[in-house]
Amino acid sequence: MWEYSDKVKDHFNNPRNVGEIEDPDGVGEVGSLACGDALKLTFKLDKEGRIADVKFKTFGCGSAIASSSALTEMIKGKTLDEALKITNKDIADYLDGLPEEKMHCSVMGREALEAAIANYKGEDLKKKSTEGKIVCNCFGVTEQQIARAVRENNLKTVEQVTNYTKAGGGCQSCHPEIEKIIQRVQKEMLAKEIERRKLEGKKLTNLQKIMKIQEIIEGEIRPALIRDGGDIEIVDIKDNKVYVALRGKCTACPSSQITVKGVVESKLKEFVSEDIEVEEVKSEEVF
């Protein structure tokens, strides 16, 4: 049995804003009865361009009803630009969480909102969202939709993709293709994160750089060495030079320079600054 928060139960038992607005400014329809979930969202703007009223009709489980109800409450009074900033995670957080197996309901709510706003702007978002190769024929989910779910929710397994998009939940023949998409998007995300950290490193003060070096060595490098019977100690940091001493089994290891240059220095170059140099200080040396 899945655990549901009190907010999910409340929005399921007492859904807000159920129905359909007459002569709406925007209409968004997503999902299908064949797939088990469908949602229609309509809204009306006031003179200031804010969402004055919004209603929904949904066919689906309790999480789908709760997510749709929560979304309508979240976007009332917001401008369209403000509403578009709402993510599926925001919807789930508003409900104090959803079972991961039901996260596709929050995704459906976000998609319905985007479709309704696109309709107001005269855009065909439905056509745009379904462009590209269909990966999951059982549920009609495209490569673009899977990649977006992976990117926005940091998904790492096929099971998670199924929970968020339903892709792979039928015959499962698309699982290998989904796995490839996950690996590609995760690789892209890692590259962007590395670049972000590099740019961040260039803006660090000397004190911040020292703290960042300590953080990487203590948090990412030292635990791995300790697991193998070794250890590492920061002896000194001068400008972009980091002096370290290897301890434990690492002291007599013939591959100590590989550890110092290939692991420690590479990690610090990657996450702190490309200018970092690491040198080993032997125990008999006077520093």
C-alpha atoms as a PDB file:
ATOM      1  CA  MET A   1       0.000   0.000   0.000  1.00  0.00           C
ATOM      2  CA  TRP A   2       1.187   3.517  -0.812  1.00  0.00           C
ATOM      3  CA  GLU A   3       1.353   6.139   1.900  1.00  0.00           C
ATOM      4  CA  TYR A   4      -0.546   9.346   1.133  1.00  0.00           C
ATOM      5  CA  SER A   5      -0.199  12.639   3.000  1.00  0.00           C
ATOM      6  CA  ASP A   6      -3.153  14.295   4.669  1.00  0.00           C
ATOM      7  CA  LYS A   7      -3.072  16.982   1.966  1.00  0.00           C
ATOM      8  CA  VAL A   8      -3.366  14.404  -0.804  1.00  0.00           C
ATOM      9  CA  LYS A   9      -6.317  12.803   0.979  1.00  0.00           C
ATOM     10  CA  ASP A  10      -7.941  16.208   1.516  1.00  0.00           C
ATOM     11  CA  HIS A  11      -7.605  17.276  -2.136  1.00  0.00           C
ATOM     12  CA  PHE A  12      -8.895  13.882  -3.266  1.00  0.00           C
ATOM     13  CA  ASN A  13     -11.904  13.855  -0.940  1.00  0.00           C
ATOM     14  CA  ASN A  14     -12.587  17.593  -1.321  1.00  0.00           C
ATOM     15  CA  PRO A  15     -11.219  18.608  -4.721  1.00  0.00           C
ATOM     16  CA  ARG A  16     -11.143  22.346  -5.398  1.00  0.00           C
ATOM     17  CA  ASN A  17     -12.178  24.070  -8.607  1.00  0.00           C
ATOM     18  CA  VAL A  18     -13.809  21.087 -10.302  1.00  0.00           C
ATOM     19  CA  GLY A  19     -15.592  21.781 -13.569  1.00  0.00           C
ATOM     20  CA  GLU A  20     -15.091  23.716 -16.766  1.00  0.00           C
ATOM     21  CA  ILE A  21     -15.051  27.475 -17.351  1.00  0.00           C
ATOM     22  CA  GLU A  22     -17.419  28.810 -19.984  1.00  0.00           C
ATOM     23  CA  ASP A  23     -15.661  30.831 -22.664  1.00  0.00           C
ATOM     24  CA  PRO A  24     -12.196  30.268 -21.170  1.00  0.00           C
ATOM     25  CA  ASP A  25      -9.074  32.176 -22.157  1.00  0.00           C
ATOM     26  CA  GLY A  26      -7.002  28.994 -22.199  1.00  0.00           C
ATOM     27  CA  VAL A  27      -7.724  25.269 -22.510  1.00  0.00           C
ATOM     28  CA  GLY A  28      -5.254  22.452 -21.949  1.00  0.00           C
ATOM     29  CA  GLU A  29      -5.959  18.760 -22.462  1.00  0.00           C
ATOM     30  CA  VAL A  30      -3.388  16.032 -21.793  1.00  0.00           C
ATOM     31  CA  GLY A  31      -3.353  12.277 -21.334  1.00  0.00           C
ATOM     32  CA  SER A  32      -5.932   9.866 -22.678  1.00  0.00           C
ATOM     33  CA  LEU A  33      -8.519   7.455 -21.343  1.00  0.00           C
ATOM     34  CA  ALA A  34      -6.666   4.637 -23.084  1.00  0.00           C
ATOM     35  CA  CYS A  35      -3.610   5.334 -20.909  1.00  0.00           C
ATOM     36  CA  GLY A  36      -5.673   5.562 -17.733  1.00  0.00           C
ATOM     37  CA  ASP A  37      -5.260   9.290 -16.984  1.00  0.00           C
ATOM     38  CA  ALA A  38      -6.679  12.374 -18.677  1.00  0.00           C
ATOM     39  CA  LEU A  39      -6.900  16.010 -17.594  1.00  0.00           C
ATOM     40  CA  LYS A  40      -8.609  19.096 -18.962  1.00  0.00           C
ATOM     41  CA  LEU A  41      -7.678  22.484 -17.511  1.00  0.00           C
ATOM     42  CA  THR A  42      -9.402  25.784 -18.292  1.00  0.00           C
ATOM     43  CA  PHE A  43      -8.635  29.271 -16.983  1.00  0.00           C
ATOM     44  CA  LYS A  44      -9.849  32.864 -17.179  1.00  0.00           C
ATOM     45  CA  LEU A  45      -7.664  35.955 -16.825  1.00  0.00           C
ATOM     46  CA  ASP A  46      -8.546  39.236 -15.144  1.00  0.00           C
ATOM     47  CA  LYS A  47      -7.806  42.706 -16.549  1.00  0.00           C
ATOM     48  CA  GLU A  48      -4.304  42.650 -15.059  1.00  0.00           C
ATOM     49  CA  GLY A  49      -3.450  39.395 -16.842  1.00  0.00           C
ATOM     50  CA  ARG A  50      -3.609  37.251 -13.737  1.00  0.00           C
ATOM     51  CA  ILE A  51      -5.425  33.928 -13.460  1.00  0.00           C
ATOM     52  CA  ALA A  52      -8.748  34.912 -11.924  1.00  0.00           C
ATOM     53  CA  ASP A  53     -10.417  31.519 -12.172  1.00  0.00           C
ATOM     54  CA  VAL A  54      -9.313  28.006 -13.090  1.00  0.00           C
ATOM     55  CA  LYS A  55     -11.126  24.690 -13.201  1.00  0.00           C
ATOM     56  CA  PHE A  56     -10.285  21.106 -14.039  1.00  0.00           C
ATOM     57  CA  LYS A  57     -11.842  17.834 -15.065  1.00  0.00           C
ATOM     58  CA  THR A  58      -9.809  14.681 -14.663  1.00  0.00           C
ATOM     59  CA  PHE A  59     -10.119  10.971 -15.183  1.00  0.00           C
ATOM     60  CA  GLY A  60      -7.664   9.043 -13.096  1.00  0.00           C
ATOM     61  CA  CYS A  61      -6.588   7.885  -9.661  1.00  0.00           C
ATOM     62  CA  GLY A  62      -6.720   9.748  -6.369  1.00  0.00           C
ATOM     63  CA  SER A  63      -3.260  11.219  -6.943  1.00  0.00           C
ATOM     64  CA  ALA A  64      -4.344  12.586 -10.330  1.00  0.00           C
ATOM     65  CA  ILE A  65      -7.360  14.276  -8.760  1.00  0.00           C
ATOM     66  CA  ALA A  66      -5.316  15.635  -5.835  1.00  0.00           C
ATOM     67  CA  SER A  67      -2.534  16.911  -8.110  1.00  0.00           C
ATOM     68  CA  SER A  68      -5.025  18.669 -10.401  1.00  0.00           C
ATOM     69  CA  SER A  69      -6.852  20.218  -7.456  1.00  0.00           C
ATOM     70  CA  ALA A  70      -3.599  21.396  -5.878  1.00  0.00           C
ATOM     71  CA  LEU A  71      -2.393  22.905  -9.140  1.00  0.00           C
ATOM     72  CA  THR A  72      -5.534  25.022  -9.539  1.00  0.00           C
ATOM     73  CA  GLU A  73      -5.041  26.423  -6.046  1.00  0.00           C
ATOM     74  CA  MET A  74      -1.374  27.134  -6.711  1.00  0.00           C
ATOM     75  CA  ILE A  75      -1.872  29.176  -9.892  1.00  0.00           C
ATOM     76  CA  LYS A  76      -4.821  31.359  -8.850  1.00  0.00           C
ATOM     77  CA  GLY A  77      -3.797  35.010  -8.797  1.00  0.00           C
ATOM     78  CA  LYS A  78      -0.561  34.374 -10.680  1.00  0.00           C
ATOM     79  CA  THR A  79       0.482  35.810 -14.024  1.00  0.00           C
ATOM     80  CA  LEU A  80       1.052  33.318 -16.819  1.00  0.00           C
ATOM     81  CA  ASP A  81       4.821  33.740 -16.529  1.00  0.00           C
ATOM     82  CA  GLU A  82       4.640  33.052 -12.800  1.00  0.00           C
ATOM     83  CA  ALA A  83       2.428  30.014 -13.363  1.00  0.00           C
ATOM     84  CA  LEU A  84       4.837  28.592 -15.938  1.00  0.00           C
ATOM     85  CA  LYS A  85       7.577  28.477 -13.303  1.00  0.00           C
ATOM     86  CA  ILE A  86       5.637  25.838 -11.362  1.00  0.00           C
ATOM     87  CA  THR A  87       7.219  22.400 -11.782  1.00  0.00           C
ATOM     88  CA  ASN A  88       5.813  18.952 -11.171  1.00  0.00           C
ATOM     89  CA  LYS A  89       8.028  18.811  -8.069  1.00  0.00           C
ATOM     90  CA  ASP A  90       6.364  21.998  -6.792  1.00  0.00           C
ATOM     91  CA  ILE A  91       2.974  20.311  -7.134  1.00  0.00           C
ATOM     92  CA  ALA A  92       4.174  17.231  -5.237  1.00  0.00           C
ATOM     93  CA  ASP A  93       5.770  19.403  -2.534  1.00  0.00           C
ATOM     94  CA  TYR A  94       2.527  21.386  -2.173  1.00  0.00           C
ATOM     95  CA  LEU A  95       0.815  18.080  -1.366  1.00  0.00           C
ATOM     96  CA  ASP A  96       3.565  17.154   1.129  1.00  0.00           C
ATOM     97  CA  GLY A  97       4.814  14.538  -1.285  1.00  0.00           C
ATOM     98  CA  LEU A  98       3.457  11.854  -3.586  1.00  0.00           C
ATOM     99  CA  PRO A  99       4.443   8.181  -3.796  1.00  0.00           C
ATOM    100  CA  GLU A 100       7.125   7.969  -6.478  1.00  0.00           C
ATOM    101  CA  GLU A 101       4.905   5.548  -8.398  1.00  0.00           C
ATOM    102  CA  LYS A 102       2.366   8.372  -8.701  1.00  0.00           C
ATOM    103  CA  MET A 103       4.667  11.215  -9.726  1.00  0.00           C
ATOM    104  CA  HIS A 104       3.363  11.017 -13.294  1.00  0.00           C
ATOM    105  CA  CYS A 105       0.190  12.635 -11.946  1.00  0.00           C
ATOM    106  CA  SER A 106       2.107  15.791 -11.015  1.00  0.00           C
ATOM    107  CA  VAL A 107       3.792  15.743 -14.436  1.00  0.00           C
ATOM    108  CA  MET A 108       0.379  15.536 -16.090  1.00  0.00           C
ATOM    109  CA  GLY A 109      -0.761  18.602 -14.137  1.00  0.00           C
ATOM    110  CA  ARG A 110       2.252  20.635 -15.248  1.00  0.00           C
ATOM    111  CA  GLU A 111       1.739  19.545 -18.858  1.00  0.00           C
ATOM    112  CA  ALA A 112      -1.933  20.540 -18.756  1.00  0.00           C
ATOM    113  CA  LEU A 113      -1.014  23.997 -17.453  1.00  0.00           C
ATOM    114  CA  GLU A 114       1.587  24.477 -20.184  1.00  0.00           C
ATOM    115  CA  ALA A 115      -0.901  23.315 -22.824  1.00  0.00           C
ATOM    116  CA  ALA A 116      -3.569  25.744 -21.563  1.00  0.00           C
ATOM    117  CA  ILE A 117      -1.173  28.692 -21.599  1.00  0.00           C
ATOM    118  CA  ALA A 118       0.062  27.712 -25.057  1.00  0.00           C
ATOM    119  CA  ASN A 119      -3.558  27.581 -26.217  1.00  0.00           C
ATOM    120  CA  TYR A 120      -4.089  31.122 -24.907  1.00  0.00           C
ATOM    121  CA  LYS A 121      -1.006  32.266 -26.845  1.00  0.00           C
ATOM    122  CA  GLY A 122      -2.157  30.547 -30.024  1.00  0.00           C
ATOM    123  CA  GLU A 123       0.622  27.943 -29.919  1.00  0.00           C
ATOM    124  CA  ASP A 124       0.245  24.235 -30.636  1.00  0.00           C
ATOM    125  CA  LEU A 125       2.151  22.878 -27.654  1.00  0.00           C
ATOM    126  CA  LYS A 126       0.597  19.435 -28.043  1.00  0.00           C
ATOM    127  CA  LYS A 127       2.114  19.080 -31.501  1.00  0.00           C
ATOM    128  CA  LYS A 128       5.469  20.371 -30.250  1.00  0.00           C
ATOM    129  CA  SER A 129       5.557  18.055 -27.222  1.00  0.00           C
ATOM    130  CA  THR A 130       4.856  14.979 -29.327  1.00  0.00           C
ATOM    131  CA  GLU A 131       7.482  15.777 -31.941  1.00  0.00           C
ATOM    132  CA  GLY A 132      10.364  13.372 -32.182  1.00  0.00           C
ATOM    133  CA  LYS A 133      10.765   9.664 -31.958  1.00  0.00           C
ATOM    134  CA  ILE A 134       8.188   7.701 -29.962  1.00  0.00           C
ATOM    135  CA  VAL A 135      10.115   5.473 -27.570  1.00  0.00           C
ATOM    136  CA  CYS A 136       7.247   3.872 -25.664  1.00  0.00           C
ATOM    137  CA  ASN A 137       4.571   2.740 -28.116  1.00  0.00           C
ATOM    138  CA  CYS A 138       2.358   1.400 -25.323  1.00  0.00           C
ATOM    139  CA  PHE A 139       1.803   4.898 -23.884  1.00  0.00           C
ATOM    140  CA  GLY A 140       2.939   7.083 -26.794  1.00  0.00           C
ATOM    141  CA  VAL A 141       5.813   8.713 -24.889  1.00  0.00           C
ATOM    142  CA  THR A 142       8.497  10.414 -26.967  1.00  0.00           C
ATOM    143  CA  GLU A 143      12.240  10.672 -26.489  1.00  0.00           C
ATOM    144  CA  GLN A 144      11.819  14.399 -25.821  1.00  0.00           C
ATOM    145  CA  GLN A 145       9.315  13.798 -23.007  1.00  0.00           C
ATOM    146  CA  ILE A 146      11.518  11.182 -21.350  1.00  0.00           C
ATOM    147  CA  ALA A 147      14.614  13.393 -21.597  1.00  0.00           C
ATOM    148  CA  ARG A 148      12.767  16.299 -20.024  1.00  0.00           C
ATOM    149  CA  ALA A 149      11.537  14.174 -17.120  1.00  0.00           C
ATOM    150  CA  VAL A 150      15.066  12.857 -16.516  1.00  0.00           C
ATOM    151  CA  ARG A 151      16.545  16.352 -16.667  1.00  0.00           C
ATOM    152  CA  GLU A 152      14.002  18.095 -14.446  1.00  0.00           C
ATOM    153  CA  ASN A 153      13.760  15.357 -11.810  1.00  0.00           C
ATOM    154  CA  ASN A 154      17.290  13.913 -11.965  1.00  0.00           C
ATOM    155  CA  LEU A 155      15.987  10.438 -12.789  1.00  0.00           C
ATOM    156  CA  LYS A 156      18.546   7.654 -12.891  1.00  0.00           C
ATOM    157  CA  THR A 157      16.641   4.404 -13.456  1.00  0.00           C
ATOM    158  CA  VAL A 158      14.111   3.059 -15.940  1.00  0.00           C
ATOM    159  CA  GLU A 159      11.732   2.438 -13.049  1.00  0.00           C
ATOM    160  CA  GLN A 160      11.846   6.112 -12.113  1.00  0.00           C
ATOM    161  CA  VAL A 161      11.155   7.129 -15.714  1.00  0.00           C
ATOM    162  CA  THR A 162       8.108   4.844 -15.693  1.00  0.00           C
ATOM    163  CA  ASN A 163       6.898   6.419 -12.448  1.00  0.00           C
ATOM    164  CA  TYR A 164       7.180   9.915 -13.905  1.00  0.00           C
ATOM    165  CA  THR A 165       6.065   9.366 -17.509  1.00  0.00           C
ATOM    166  CA  LYS A 166       4.562   5.830 -17.703  1.00  0.00           C
ATOM    167  CA  ALA A 167       7.109   5.054 -20.424  1.00  0.00           C
ATOM    168  CA  GLY A 168       8.241   1.453 -20.090  1.00  0.00           C
ATOM    169  CA  GLY A 169       5.241   0.446 -18.034  1.00  0.00           C
ATOM    170  CA  GLY A 170       3.704  -1.776 -20.703  1.00  0.00           C
ATOM    171  CA  CYS A 171       5.511  -4.429 -22.734  1.00  0.00           C
ATOM    172  CA  GLN A 172       8.910  -3.161 -21.486  1.00  0.00           C
ATOM    173  CA  SER A 173      10.558  -3.589 -24.887  1.00  0.00           C
ATOM    174  CA  CYS A 174      11.592   0.083 -24.768  1.00  0.00           C
ATOM    175  CA  HIS A 175      13.625  -0.312 -21.572  1.00  0.00           C
ATOM    176  CA  PRO A 176      17.021  -0.459 -23.365  1.00  0.00           C
ATOM    177  CA  GLU A 177      16.206   2.756 -25.279  1.00  0.00           C
ATOM    178  CA  ILE A 178      15.070   4.482 -22.085  1.00  0.00           C
ATOM    179  CA  GLU A 179      18.327   3.465 -20.412  1.00  0.00           C
ATOM    180  CA  LYS A 180      20.301   5.068 -23.250  1.00  0.00           C
ATOM    181  CA  ILE A 181      18.334   8.310 -22.883  1.00  0.00           C
ATOM    182  CA  ILE A 182      18.973   8.344 -19.135  1.00  0.00           C
ATOM    183  CA  GLN A 183      22.713   7.871 -19.633  1.00  0.00           C
ATOM    184  CA  ARG A 184      22.875  10.578 -22.313  1.00  0.00           C
ATOM    185  CA  VAL A 185      20.947  13.160 -20.295  1.00  0.00           C
ATOM    186  CA  GLN A 186      22.801  12.374 -17.074  1.00  0.00           C
ATOM    187  CA  LYS A 187      26.098  12.824 -18.942  1.00  0.00           C
ATOM    188  CA  GLU A 188      24.921  16.193 -20.261  1.00  0.00           C
ATOM    189  CA  MET A 189      23.811  17.240 -16.775  1.00  0.00           C
ATOM    190  CA  LEU A 190      27.162  16.238 -15.273  1.00  0.00           C
ATOM    191  CA  ALA A 191      29.037  18.224 -17.926  1.00  0.00           C
ATOM    192  CA  LYS A 192      26.956  21.316 -17.159  1.00  0.00           C
ATOM    193  CA  GLU A 193      27.473  20.876 -13.429  1.00  0.00           C
ATOM    194  CA  ILE A 194      31.231  20.574 -13.886  1.00  0.00           C
ATOM    195  CA  GLU A 195      31.248  23.719 -16.012  1.00  0.00           C
ATOM    196  CA  ARG A 196      29.164  25.541 -13.412  1.00  0.00           C
ATOM    197  CA  ARG A 197      31.566  24.542 -10.661  1.00  0.00           C
ATOM    198  CA  LYS A 198      34.538  25.638 -12.745  1.00  0.00           C
ATOM    199  CA  LEU A 199      32.989  29.067 -13.290  1.00  0.00           C
ATOM    200  CA  GLU A 200      32.137  29.225  -9.609  1.00  0.00           C
ATOM    201  CA  GLY A 201      35.748  28.355  -8.769  1.00  0.00           C
ATOM    202  CA  LYS A 202      37.061  31.282 -10.801  1.00  0.00           C
ATOM    203  CA  LYS A 203      35.042  33.668  -8.618  1.00  0.00           C
ATOM    204  CA  LEU A 204      36.176  32.234  -5.283  1.00  0.00           C
ATOM    205  CA  THR A 205      38.155  34.294  -2.807  1.00  0.00           C
ATOM    206  CA  ASN A 206      41.328  32.698  -1.386  1.00  0.00           C
ATOM    207  CA  LEU A 207      39.475  31.734   1.787  1.00  0.00           C
ATOM    208  CA  GLN A 208      36.582  30.241  -0.178  1.00  0.00           C
ATOM    209  CA  LYS A 209      39.040  28.320  -2.377  1.00  0.00           C
ATOM    210  CA  ILE A 210      40.775  26.856   0.684  1.00  0.00           C
ATOM    211  CA  MET A 211      37.429  25.823   2.165  1.00  0.00           C
ATOM    212  CA  LYS A 212      36.378  24.263  -1.152  1.00  0.00           C
ATOM    213  CA  ILE A 213      39.639  22.293  -1.391  1.00  0.00           C
ATOM    214  CA  GLN A 214      39.139  21.014   2.150  1.00  0.00           C
ATOM    215  CA  GLU A 215      35.536  20.110   1.357  1.00  0.00           C
ATOM    216  CA  ILE A 216      36.471  18.049  -1.713  1.00  0.00           C
ATOM    217  CA  ILE A 217      39.376  16.241  -0.031  1.00  0.00           C
ATOM    218  CA  GLU A 218      37.510  15.541   3.208  1.00  0.00           C
ATOM    219  CA  GLY A 219      34.174  14.716   1.624  1.00  0.00           C
ATOM    220  CA  GLU A 220      35.056  12.889  -1.592  1.00  0.00           C
ATOM    221  CA  ILE A 221      38.708  11.776  -1.628  1.00  0.00           C
ATOM    222  CA  ARG A 222      39.598  10.887   1.963  1.00  0.00           C
ATOM    223  CA  PRO A 223      36.679   8.475   2.578  1.00  0.00           C
ATOM    224  CA  ALA A 224      37.641   6.439  -0.505  1.00  0.00           C
ATOM    225  CA  LEU A 225      41.281   6.175   0.636  1.00  0.00           C
ATOM    226  CA  ILE A 226      40.264   5.200   4.170  1.00  0.00           C
ATOM    227  CA  ARG A 227      38.143   2.364   2.804  1.00  0.00           C
ATOM    228  CA  ASP A 228      41.300   0.959   1.170  1.00  0.00           C
ATOM    229  CA  GLY A 229      43.395   1.339   4.316  1.00  0.00           C
ATOM    230  CA  GLY A 230      45.003   4.615   3.368  1.00  0.00           C
ATOM    231  CA  ASP A 231      44.484   8.249   4.270  1.00  0.00           C
ATOM    232  CA  ILE A 232      45.435  11.770   3.213  1.00  0.00           C
ATOM    233  CA  GLU A 233      46.245  14.948   5.113  1.00  0.00           C
ATOM    234  CA  ILE A 234      46.414  18.536   3.868  1.00  0.00           C
ATOM    235  CA  VAL A 235      49.785  19.931   4.928  1.00  0.00           C
ATOM    236  CA  ASP A 236      49.500  23.412   3.428  1.00  0.00           C
ATOM    237  CA  ILE A 237      47.807  25.452   0.735  1.00  0.00           C
ATOM    238  CA  LYS A 238      49.697  28.256  -0.979  1.00  0.00           C
ATOM    239  CA  ASP A 239      47.899  30.084  -3.788  1.00  0.00           C
ATOM    240  CA  ASN A 240      47.017  27.310  -6.249  1.00  0.00           C
ATOM    241  CA  LYS A 241      49.428  24.747  -4.799  1.00  0.00           C
ATOM    242  CA  VAL A 242      48.099  22.131  -2.422  1.00  0.00           C
ATOM    243  CA  TYR A 243      50.600  20.129  -0.384  1.00  0.00           C
ATOM    244  CA  VAL A 244      49.365  16.781   0.935  1.00  0.00           C
ATOM    245  CA  ALA A 245      50.802  13.841   2.842  1.00  0.00           C
ATOM    246  CA  LEU A 246      49.605  10.310   2.241  1.00  0.00           C
ATOM    247  CA  ARG A 247      49.053   8.098   5.286  1.00  0.00           C
ATOM    248  CA  GLY A 248      48.398   4.445   6.062  1.00  0.00           C
ATOM    249  CA  LYS A 249      48.822   1.981   3.207  1.00  0.00           C
ATOM    250  CA  CYS A 250      49.118   4.888   0.762  1.00  0.00           C
ATOM    251  CA  THR A 251      52.509   5.811   2.249  1.00  0.00           C
ATOM    252  CA  ALA A 252      54.346   2.810   0.826  1.00  0.00           C
ATOM    253  CA  CYS A 253      52.155   2.365  -2.209  1.00  0.00           C
ATOM    254  CA  PRO A 254      54.096   2.425  -5.502  1.00  0.00           C
ATOM    255  CA  SER A 255      51.129   4.141  -7.102  1.00  0.00           C
ATOM    256  CA  SER A 256      51.163   7.103  -4.723  1.00  0.00           C
ATOM    257  CA  GLN A 257      51.865   9.575  -7.538  1.00  0.00           C
ATOM    258  CA  ILE A 258      48.871   8.237  -9.443  1.00  0.00           C
ATOM    259  CA  THR A 259      46.784   8.899  -6.349  1.00  0.00           C
ATOM    260  CA  VAL A 260      48.182  12.402  -5.907  1.00  0.00           C
ATOM    261  CA  LYS A 261      48.018  13.508  -9.550  1.00  0.00           C
ATOM    262  CA  GLY A 262      45.411  11.227 -11.092  1.00  0.00           C
ATOM    263  CA  VAL A 263      42.899  11.346  -8.264  1.00  0.00           C
ATOM    264  CA  VAL A 264      43.466  14.273  -5.888  1.00  0.00           C
ATOM    265  CA  GLU A 265      44.722  16.846  -8.391  1.00  0.00           C
ATOM    266  CA  SER A 266      42.244  15.809 -11.099  1.00  0.00           C
ATOM    267  CA  LYS A 267      39.349  16.089  -8.667  1.00  0.00           C
ATOM    268  CA  LEU A 268      40.409  19.524  -7.460  1.00  0.00           C
ATOM    269  CA  LYS A 269      40.938  20.742 -11.030  1.00  0.00           C
ATOM    270  CA  GLU A 270      37.477  19.495 -11.917  1.00  0.00           C
ATOM    271  CA  PHE A 271      35.571  20.968  -8.989  1.00  0.00           C
ATOM    272  CA  VAL A 272      37.668  23.885  -7.719  1.00  0.00           C
ATOM    273  CA  SER A 273      40.010  25.368 -10.355  1.00  0.00           C
ATOM    274  CA  GLU A 274      41.968  24.210 -13.385  1.00  0.00           C
ATOM    275  CA  ASP A 275      45.010  26.019 -11.961  1.00  0.00           C
ATOM    276  CA  ILE A 276      45.277  23.745  -8.916  1.00  0.00           C
ATOM    277  CA  GLU A 277      48.491  21.743  -8.505  1.00  0.00           C
ATOM    278  CA  VAL A 278      48.922  19.031  -5.878  1.00  0.00           C
ATOM    279  CA  GLU A 279      52.291  17.967  -4.521  1.00  0.00           C
ATOM    280  CA  GLU A 280      53.031  15.145  -2.093  1.00  0.00           C
ATOM    281  CA  VAL A 281      55.041  15.888   1.018  1.00  0.00           C
ATOM    282  CA  LYS A 282      56.954  12.888   2.352  1.00  0.00           C
ATOM    283  CA  SER A 283      56.927  12.322   6.109  1.00  0.00           C
ATOM    284  CA  GLU A 284      60.704  12.826   6.367  1.00  0.00           C
ATOM    285  CA  GLU A 285      60.554  16.181   4.617  1.00  0.00           C
ATOM    286  CA  VAL A 286      60.590  19.330   6.681  1.00  0.00           C
ATOM    287  CA  PHE A 287      57.931  21.627   5.331  1.00  0.00           C
END
